[in-house]
PDB file of N, CA and C in Angstrom:
ATOM      1  N   UNK A   1      15.155  -7.208  -6.313  1.00  0.00           N
ATOM      2  CA  UNK A   1      13.783  -6.838  -4.904  1.00  0.00           C
ATOM      3  C   UNK A   1      13.439  -5.625  -5.049  1.00  0.00           C
ATOM      4  N   UNK A   2      12.137  -5.491  -4.280  1.00  0.00           N
ATOM      5  CA  UNK A   2      11.509  -4.490  -4.626  1.00  0.00           C
ATOM      6  C   UNK A   2      11.962  -3.251  -3.180  1.00  0.00           C
ATOM      7  N   UNK A   3      11.648  -2.047  -4.100  1.00  0.00           N
ATOM      8  CA  UNK A   3      12.219  -1.295  -2.925  1.00  0.00           C
ATOM      9  C   UNK A   3      10.969  -0.135  -3.194  1.00  0.00           C
ATOM     10  N   UNK A   4      10.977   0.750  -2.406  1.00  0.00           N
ATOM     11  CA  UNK A   4      10.243   1.695  -2.406  1.00  0.00           C
ATOM     12  C   UNK A   4      10.342   3.081  -2.262  1.00  0.00           C
ATOM     13  N   UNK A   5      11.556   3.559  -2.814  1.00  0.00           N
ATOM     14  CA  UNK A   5      11.889   4.889  -2.670  1.00  0.00           C
ATOM     15  C   UNK A   5      11.333   6.051  -3.176  1.00  0.00           C
ATOM     16  N   UNK A   6      10.048   6.067  -3.911  1.00  0.00           N
ATOM     17  CA  UNK A   6       8.816   6.244  -4.214  1.00  0.00           C
ATOM     18  C   UNK A   6       7.740   7.098  -3.068  1.00  0.00           C
ATOM     19  N   UNK A   7       7.776   8.042  -2.662  1.00  0.00           N
ATOM     20  CA  UNK A   7       7.126   8.152  -1.276  1.00  0.00           C
ATOM     21  C   UNK A   7       5.590   8.782  -1.731  1.00  0.00           C
ATOM     22  N   UNK A   8       5.581   9.347  -2.621  1.00  0.00           N
ATOM     23  CA  UNK A   8       4.079   9.328  -3.484  1.00  0.00           C
ATOM     24  C   UNK A   8       2.922   8.230  -3.346  1.00  0.00           C
ATOM     25  N   UNK A   9       1.632   8.584  -2.982  1.00  0.00           N
ATOM     26  CA  UNK A   9       0.904   7.188  -2.244  1.00  0.00           C
ATOM     27  C   UNK A   9      -0.808   8.509  -3.009  1.00  0.00           C
ATOM     28  N   UNK A  10      -1.751   7.636  -3.294  1.00  0.00           N
ATOM     29  CA  UNK A  10      -3.107   8.907  -3.278  1.00  0.00           C
ATOM     30  C   UNK A  10      -3.924   7.946  -3.509  1.00  0.00           C
ATOM     31  N   UNK A  11      -5.054   8.600  -2.856  1.00  0.00           N
ATOM     32  CA  UNK A  11      -6.337   7.208  -2.560  1.00  0.00           C
ATOM     33  C   UNK A  11      -6.762   7.040  -3.613  1.00  0.00           C
ATOM     34  N   UNK A  12      -7.487   6.272  -4.340  1.00  0.00           N
ATOM     35  CA  UNK A  12      -8.098   5.540  -5.157  1.00  0.00           C
ATOM     36  C   UNK A  12     -10.117   5.601  -4.969  1.00  0.00           C
ATOM     37  N   UNK A  13     -10.858   6.129  -4.755  1.00  0.00           N
ATOM     38  CA  UNK A  13     -12.038   5.995  -4.674  1.00  0.00           C
ATOM     39  C   UNK A  13     -12.894   4.804  -5.020  1.00  0.00           C
ATOM     40  N   UNK A  14     -12.365   4.658  -6.393  1.00  0.00           N
ATOM     41  CA  UNK A  14     -12.760   3.291  -6.793  1.00  0.00           C
ATOM     42  C   UNK A  14     -12.880   1.995  -5.730  1.00  0.00           C
ATOM     43  N   UNK A  15     -11.823   1.961  -5.884  1.00  0.00           N
ATOM     44  CA  UNK A  15     -11.080   1.267  -5.365  1.00  0.00           C
ATOM     45  C   UNK A  15     -10.580   0.737  -3.916  1.00  0.00           C
ATOM     46  N   UNK A  16     -11.173   1.855  -3.283  1.00  0.00           N
ATOM     47  CA  UNK A  16     -11.120   2.735  -1.576  1.00  0.00           C
ATOM     48  C   UNK A  16     -10.111   1.892  -1.091  1.00  0.00           C
ATOM     49  N   UNK A  17      -9.136   2.434  -1.242  1.00  0.00           N
ATOM     50  CA  UNK A  17      -7.752   1.784  -1.323  1.00  0.00           C
ATOM     51  C   UNK A  17      -6.558   3.070  -1.579  1.00  0.00           C
ATOM     52  N   UNK A  18      -5.401   2.902  -0.984  1.00  0.00           N
ATOM     53  CA  UNK A  18      -4.490   3.914  -1.111  1.00  0.00           C
ATOM     54  C   UNK A  18      -3.576   3.149  -2.215  1.00  0.00           C
ATOM     55  N   UNK A  19      -2.894   4.002  -2.975  1.00  0.00           N
ATOM     56  CA  UNK A  19      -2.105   3.376  -4.382  1.00  0.00           C
ATOM     57  C   UNK A  19      -0.900   4.037  -3.940  1.00  0.00           C
ATOM     58  N   UNK A  20       0.515   3.086  -4.092  1.00  0.00           N
ATOM     59  CA  UNK A  20       1.615   3.306  -4.151  1.00  0.00           C
ATOM     60  C   UNK A  20       2.372   2.016  -5.174  1.00  0.00           C
ATOM     61  N   UNK A  21       3.363   2.929  -5.003  1.00  0.00           N
ATOM     62  CA  UNK A  21       4.630   1.899  -6.410  1.00  0.00           C
ATOM     63  C   UNK A  21       5.681   1.559  -5.845  1.00  0.00           C
ATOM     64  N   UNK A  22       6.326   0.161  -6.156  1.00  0.00           N
ATOM     65  CA  UNK A  22       7.502  -0.231  -5.712  1.00  0.00           C
ATOM     66  C   UNK A  22       8.398  -0.130  -7.349  1.00  0.00           C
ATOM     67  N   UNK A  23       9.804  -0.417  -7.014  1.00  0.00           N
ATOM     68  CA  UNK A  23      10.621  -0.700  -7.999  1.00  0.00           C
ATOM     69  C   UNK A  23      11.287  -1.527  -7.998  1.00  0.00           C
ATOM     70  N   UNK A  24      11.257  -2.380  -9.138  1.00  0.00           N
ATOM     71  CA  UNK A  24      12.478  -3.585  -8.939  1.00  0.00           C
ATOM     72  C   UNK A  24      13.567  -3.501 -10.213  1.00  0.00           C
ATOM     73  N   UNK A  25      14.218  -2.697  -9.782  1.00  0.00           N
ATOM     74  CA  UNK A  25      15.487  -2.550 -11.134  1.00  0.00           C
ATOM     75  C   UNK A  25      14.268  -1.834 -12.333  1.00  0.00           C
ATOM     76  N   UNK A  26      13.964  -1.945 -13.027  1.00  0.00           N
ATOM     77  CA  UNK A  26      13.825  -1.285 -14.262  1.00  0.00           C
ATOM     78  C   UNK A  26      12.149  -1.446 -14.069  1.00  0.00           C
ATOM     79  N   UNK A  27      11.578  -2.098 -13.395  1.00  0.00           N
ATOM     80  CA  UNK A  27      10.451  -2.818 -13.184  1.00  0.00           C
ATOM     81  C   UNK A  27       9.818  -2.320 -12.229  1.00  0.00           C
ATOM     82  N   UNK A  28       8.243  -1.384 -12.419  1.00  0.00           N
ATOM     83  CA  UNK A  28       7.318  -0.417 -11.649  1.00  0.00           C
ATOM     84  C   UNK A  28       6.203  -1.620 -11.254  1.00  0.00           C
ATOM     85  N   UNK A  29       6.281  -1.584  -9.998  1.00  0.00           N
ATOM     86  CA  UNK A  29       4.776  -2.760  -9.557  1.00  0.00           C
ATOM     87  C   UNK A  29       3.613  -1.396  -8.692  1.00  0.00           C
ATOM     88  N   UNK A  30       2.457  -1.503  -9.230  1.00  0.00           N
ATOM     89  CA  UNK A  30       1.787  -0.960  -8.211  1.00  0.00           C
ATOM     90  C   UNK A  30       1.098  -1.709  -7.295  1.00  0.00           C
ATOM     91  N   UNK A  31       1.105  -1.052  -5.941  1.00  0.00           N
ATOM     92  CA  UNK A  31       0.556  -1.697  -5.080  1.00  0.00           C
ATOM     93  C   UNK A  31      -0.913  -0.778  -4.330  1.00  0.00           C
ATOM     94  N   UNK A  32      -2.431  -1.749  -4.162  1.00  0.00           N
ATOM     95  CA  UNK A  32      -3.234  -0.382  -3.355  1.00  0.00           C
ATOM     96  C   UNK A  32      -3.347  -1.315  -1.906  1.00  0.00           C
ATOM     97  N   UNK A  33      -3.346  -0.827  -1.030  1.00  0.00           N
ATOM     98  CA  UNK A  33      -3.654  -0.838   0.677  1.00  0.00           C
ATOM     99  C   UNK A  33      -5.368  -0.433   0.981  1.00  0.00           C
ATOM    100  N   UNK A  34      -5.750  -1.786   1.773  1.00  0.00           N
ATOM    101  CA  UNK A  34      -7.442  -0.897   1.049  1.00  0.00           C
ATOM    102  C   UNK A  34      -7.670  -0.460   2.617  1.00  0.00           C
ATOM    103  N   UNK A  35      -8.702   0.217   2.472  1.00  0.00           N
ATOM    104  CA  UNK A  35      -9.186   0.732   3.548  1.00  0.00           C
ATOM    105  C   UNK A  35      -9.239  -0.026   5.109  1.00  0.00           C
ATOM    106  N   UNK A  36     -10.009  -1.478   4.895  1.00  0.00           N
ATOM    107  CA  UNK A  36     -10.181  -1.990   6.343  1.00  0.00           C
ATOM    108  C   UNK A  36      -8.616  -2.617   6.758  1.00  0.00           C
ATOM    109  N   UNK A  37      -7.742  -2.752   5.772  1.00  0.00           N
ATOM    110  CA  UNK A  37      -5.952  -3.119   6.028  1.00  0.00           C
ATOM    111  C   UNK A  37      -5.884  -1.997   6.976  1.00  0.00           C
ATOM    112  N   UNK A  38      -6.159  -0.393   6.023  1.00  0.00           N
ATOM    113  CA  UNK A  38      -5.596   0.169   7.161  1.00  0.00           C
ATOM    114  C   UNK A  38      -6.569   0.792   8.115  1.00  0.00           C
ATOM    115  N   UNK A  39      -7.409   0.361   8.071  1.00  0.00           N
ATOM    116  CA  UNK A  39      -8.336   0.229   9.557  1.00  0.00           C
ATOM    117  C   UNK A  39      -7.718  -0.548  10.381  1.00  0.00           C
ATOM    118  N   UNK A  40      -6.882  -2.029  10.251  1.00  0.00           N
ATOM    119  CA  UNK A  40      -6.414  -2.839  10.909  1.00  0.00           C
ATOM    120  C   UNK A  40      -5.355  -2.373  11.680  1.00  0.00           C
ATOM    121  N   UNK A  41      -4.615  -1.272  10.654  1.00  0.00           N
ATOM    122  CA  UNK A  41      -3.094  -0.718  11.118  1.00  0.00           C
ATOM    123  C   UNK A  41      -3.557   0.490  12.339  1.00  0.00           C
ATOM    124  N   UNK A  42      -4.228   1.255  11.941  1.00  0.00           N
ATOM    125  CA  UNK A  42      -4.783   2.118  13.037  1.00  0.00           C
ATOM    126  C   UNK A  42      -6.368   2.404  13.082  1.00  0.00           C
ATOM    127  N   UNK A  43      -6.870   1.666  13.904  1.00  0.00           N
ATOM    128  CA  UNK A  43      -8.363   1.640  14.323  1.00  0.00           C
ATOM    129  C   UNK A  43      -9.020   2.698  14.664  1.00  0.00           C
ATOM    130  N   UNK A  44      -8.140   3.951  15.091  1.00  0.00           N
ATOM    131  CA  UNK A  44      -9.145   5.169  15.188  1.00  0.00           C
ATOM    132  C   UNK A  44      -8.859   6.450  13.690  1.00  0.00           C
ATOM    133  N   UNK A  45      -8.607   5.801  12.820  1.00  0.00           N
ATOM    134  CA  UNK A  45      -8.272   6.130  11.230  1.00  0.00           C
ATOM    135  C   UNK A  45      -9.615   7.257  10.920  1.00  0.00           C
ATOM    136  N   UNK A  46      -9.411   8.154  10.717  1.00  0.00           N
ATOM    137  CA  UNK A  46     -10.492   9.155   9.662  1.00  0.00           C
ATOM    138  C   UNK A  46     -10.951   7.907   8.510  1.00  0.00           C
ATOM    139  N   UNK A  47     -12.287   8.035   8.678  1.00  0.00           N
ATOM    140  CA  UNK A  47     -12.706   6.885   7.164  1.00  0.00           C
ATOM    141  C   UNK A  47     -13.147   8.809   6.162  1.00  0.00           C
ATOM    142  N   UNK A  48     -11.921   8.742   5.695  1.00  0.00           N
ATOM    143  CA  UNK A  48     -12.204   9.767   4.206  1.00  0.00           C
ATOM    144  C   UNK A  48     -10.589   9.761   4.144  1.00  0.00           C
ATOM    145  N   UNK A  49     -10.205  10.101   2.836  1.00  0.00           N
ATOM    146  CA  UNK A  49      -9.615  10.335   2.089  1.00  0.00           C
ATOM    147  C   UNK A  49      -7.946  10.911   3.054  1.00  0.00           C
ATOM    148  N   UNK A  50      -8.099  12.289   3.069  1.00  0.00           N
ATOM    149  CA  UNK A  50      -6.761  12.284   4.064  1.00  0.00           C
ATOM    150  C   UNK A  50      -6.363  11.839   5.659  1.00  0.00           C
ATOM    151  N   UNK A  51      -7.743  11.437   5.842  1.00  0.00           N
ATOM    152  CA  UNK A  51      -7.562  10.151   7.236  1.00  0.00           C
ATOM    153  C   UNK A  51      -6.750   8.782   6.940  1.00  0.00           C
ATOM    154  N   UNK A  52      -7.449   8.106   5.114  1.00  0.00           N
ATOM    155  CA  UNK A  52      -6.012   7.430   5.124  1.00  0.00           C
ATOM    156  C   UNK A  52      -4.566   7.096   4.676  1.00  0.00           C
ATOM    157  N   UNK A  53      -4.644   8.361   3.949  1.00  0.00           N
ATOM    158  CA  UNK A  53      -3.484   9.014   4.008  1.00  0.00           C
ATOM    159  C   UNK A  53      -2.517   8.942   4.785  1.00  0.00           C
ATOM    160  N   UNK A  54      -2.882   9.348   5.635  1.00  0.00           N
ATOM    161  CA  UNK A  54      -2.599   9.599   6.669  1.00  0.00           C
ATOM    162  C   UNK A  54      -2.464   8.589   7.729  1.00  0.00           C
ATOM    163  N   UNK A  55      -3.171   7.882   7.802  1.00  0.00           N
ATOM    164  CA  UNK A  55      -2.585   6.414   8.368  1.00  0.00           C
ATOM    165  C   UNK A  55      -1.873   5.790   7.892  1.00  0.00           C
ATOM    166  N   UNK A  56      -1.622   5.743   5.964  1.00  0.00           N
ATOM    167  CA  UNK A  56      -0.653   5.070   5.149  1.00  0.00           C
ATOM    168  C   UNK A  56       0.923   5.558   5.662  1.00  0.00           C
ATOM    169  N   UNK A  57       0.878   7.365   5.651  1.00  0.00           N
ATOM    170  CA  UNK A  57       2.172   7.769   6.081  1.00  0.00           C
ATOM    171  C   UNK A  57       2.487   7.405   7.365  1.00  0.00           C
ATOM    172  N   UNK A  58       1.930   7.267   8.489  1.00  0.00           N
ATOM    173  CA  UNK A  58       1.809   6.627   9.279  1.00  0.00           C
ATOM    174  C   UNK A  58       2.610   4.990  10.181  1.00  0.00           C
ATOM    175  N   UNK A  59       2.633   4.465   9.058  1.00  0.00           N
ATOM    176  CA  UNK A  59       2.401   3.048   8.906  1.00  0.00           C
ATOM    177  C   UNK A  59       3.654   2.514   7.572  1.00  0.00           C
ATOM    178  N   UNK A  60       3.852   3.448   6.998  1.00  0.00           N
ATOM    179  CA  UNK A  60       4.658   3.363   5.766  1.00  0.00           C
ATOM    180  C   UNK A  60       5.680   2.177   5.550  1.00  0.00           C
ATOM    181  N   UNK A  61       6.356   2.015   6.870  1.00  0.00           N
ATOM    182  CA  UNK A  61       7.396   0.947   6.539  1.00  0.00           C
ATOM    183  C   UNK A  61       6.572  -0.362   6.805  1.00  0.00           C
ATOM    184  N   UNK A  62       5.909  -0.584   7.897  1.00  0.00           N
ATOM    185  CA  UNK A  62       5.056  -1.783   8.366  1.00  0.00           C
ATOM    186  C   UNK A  62       4.342  -2.173   6.603  1.00  0.00           C
ATOM    187  N   UNK A  63       3.933  -1.248   6.026  1.00  0.00           N
ATOM    188  CA  UNK A  63       3.164  -1.398   4.568  1.00  0.00           C
ATOM    189  C   UNK A  63       4.061  -1.657   3.718  1.00  0.00           C
ATOM    190  N   UNK A  64       4.909  -1.402   3.433  1.00  0.00           N
ATOM    191  CA  UNK A  64       6.206  -1.416   2.695  1.00  0.00           C
ATOM    192  C   UNK A  64       6.747  -3.071   2.930  1.00  0.00           C
ATOM    193  N   UNK A  65       6.819  -3.613   4.096  1.00  0.00           N
ATOM    194  CA  UNK A  65       7.376  -4.655   4.623  1.00  0.00           C
ATOM    195  C   UNK A  65       6.191  -6.166   3.873  1.00  0.00           C
ATOM    196  N   UNK A  66       4.791  -5.573   4.457  1.00  0.00           N
ATOM    197  CA  UNK A  66       4.384  -6.463   3.875  1.00  0.00           C
ATOM    198  C   UNK A  66       4.261  -6.439   2.058  1.00  0.00           C
ATOM    199  N   UNK A  67       4.297  -5.121   1.731  1.00  0.00           N
ATOM    200  CA  UNK A  67       4.352  -5.403   0.349  1.00  0.00           C
ATOM    201  C   UNK A  67       5.138  -6.263  -0.531  1.00  0.00           C
ATOM    202  N   UNK A  68       6.746  -5.887   0.508  1.00  0.00           N
ATOM    203  CA  UNK A  68       7.739  -6.900  -0.385  1.00  0.00           C
ATOM    204  C   UNK A  68       7.669  -8.405  -0.083  1.00  0.00           C
ATOM    205  N   UNK A  69       6.857  -8.661   0.972  1.00  0.00           N
ATOM    206  CA  UNK A  69       6.713 -10.263   0.385  1.00  0.00           C
ATOM    207  C   UNK A  69       5.568 -10.896  -0.518  1.00  0.00           C
ATOM    208  N   UNK A  70       4.554 -10.077  -0.548  1.00  0.00           N
ATOM    209  CA  UNK A  70       3.546  -9.945  -1.496  1.00  0.00           C
ATOM    210  C   UNK A  70       4.410  -9.970  -2.775  1.00  0.00           C
ATOM    211  N   UNK A  71       4.921  -9.246  -3.048  1.00  0.00           N
ATOM    212  CA  UNK A  71       5.596  -9.107  -4.665  1.00  0.00           C
ATOM    213  C   UNK A  71       6.491 -10.478  -4.536  1.00  0.00           C
ATOM    214  N   UNK A  72       6.008 -10.487  -6.032  1.00  0.00           N
ATOM    215  CA  UNK A  72       6.841 -11.573  -6.937  1.00  0.00           C
ATOM    216  C   UNK A  72       7.043 -11.286  -8.285  1.00  0.00           C
ATOM    217  N   UNK A  73       8.309 -11.070  -8.325  1.00  0.00           N
ATOM    218  CA  UNK A  73       8.966 -10.642  -9.667  1.00  0.00           C
ATOM    219  C   UNK A  73       8.812 -11.112 -10.928  1.00  0.00           C
ATOM    220  N   UNK A  74       7.994 -10.046 -11.975  1.00  0.00           N
ATOM    221  CA  UNK A  74       7.517 -10.488 -12.513  1.00  0.00           C
ATOM    222  C   UNK A  74       6.284 -11.223 -13.338  1.00  0.00           C
ATOM    223  N   UNK A  75       5.787 -11.699 -11.602  1.00  0.00           N
ATOM    224  CA  UNK A  75       4.376 -12.087 -12.040  1.00  0.00           C
ATOM    225  C   UNK A  75       2.665 -11.059 -12.072  1.00  0.00           C
ATOM    226  N   UNK A  76       3.467  -9.993 -11.995  1.00  0.00           N
ATOM    227  CA  UNK A  76       2.065  -9.221 -12.024  1.00  0.00           C
ATOM    228  C   UNK A  76       2.348  -7.525 -12.396  1.00  0.00           C
ATOM    229  N   UNK A  77       1.772  -6.591 -12.239  1.00  0.00           N
ATOM    230  CA  UNK A  77       1.591  -5.496 -12.177  1.00  0.00           C
ATOM    231  C   UNK A  77       1.291  -4.776 -11.283  1.00  0.00           C
ATOM    232  N   UNK A  78       0.358  -5.559 -10.141  1.00  0.00           N
ATOM    233  CA  UNK A  78      -0.341  -4.716  -9.316  1.00  0.00           C
ATOM    234  C   UNK A  78      -0.769  -6.124  -8.089  1.00  0.00           C
ATOM    235  N   UNK A  79      -0.446  -5.443  -7.179  1.00  0.00           N
ATOM    236  CA  UNK A  79      -0.779  -6.571  -6.163  1.00  0.00           C
ATOM    237  C   UNK A  79      -1.793  -5.856  -5.029  1.00  0.00           C
ATOM    238  N   UNK A  80      -2.297  -5.965  -4.429  1.00  0.00           N
ATOM    239  CA  UNK A  80      -3.778  -5.884  -3.329  1.00  0.00           C
ATOM    240  C   UNK A  80      -2.967  -6.331  -1.783  1.00  0.00           C
ATOM    241  N   UNK A  81      -3.024  -5.522  -1.023  1.00  0.00           N
ATOM    242  CA  UNK A  81      -2.515  -5.710   0.481  1.00  0.00           C
ATOM    243  C   UNK A  81      -4.256  -5.798   1.098  1.00  0.00           C
ATOM    244  N   UNK A  82      -4.450  -6.467   1.973  1.00  0.00           N
ATOM    245  CA  UNK A  82      -6.140  -6.773   2.572  1.00  0.00           C
ATOM    246  C   UNK A  82      -5.377  -6.597   4.278  1.00  0.00           C
ATOM    247  N   UNK A  83      -6.244  -6.792   5.208  1.00  0.00           N
ATOM    248  CA  UNK A  83      -6.526  -6.820   6.641  1.00  0.00           C
ATOM    249  C   UNK A  83      -5.812  -7.917   7.000  1.00  0.00           C
ATOM    250  N   UNK A  84      -5.846  -9.060   6.464  1.00  0.00           N
ATOM    251  CA  UNK A  84      -5.372 -10.165   6.346  1.00  0.00           C
ATOM    252  C   UNK A  84      -4.043 -10.358   6.556  1.00  0.00           C
ATOM    253  N   UNK A  85      -3.220  -9.523   5.177  1.00  0.00           N
ATOM    254  CA  UNK A  85      -1.749  -9.275   5.467  1.00  0.00           C
ATOM    255  C   UNK A  85      -1.323  -8.831   6.526  1.00  0.00           C
ATOM    256  N   UNK A  86      -2.013  -8.323   7.927  1.00  0.00           N
ATOM    257  CA  UNK A  86      -1.126  -7.604   8.474  1.00  0.00           C
ATOM    258  C   UNK A  86      -1.661  -8.286  10.056  1.00  0.00           C
TER     259      UNK A  86
END
């Protein structure tokens, strides 16, 4: 089962997404949530790094729940959450 005990997150300008990490026992997986997905969750988000990080923080529980549904143990190291996941 994937868990998200690490509250670290960062904005990746190249991917135009917020990156965060989950852990399944000793396995670490990287997740990216796109700007479009964050805009769907919070339509009034400011379209800049602080705005997207704030939108992530305000919707962390919902984002982690969606990431848990997307995660498949051992299948890959990176997962992308897009607007369709919400």
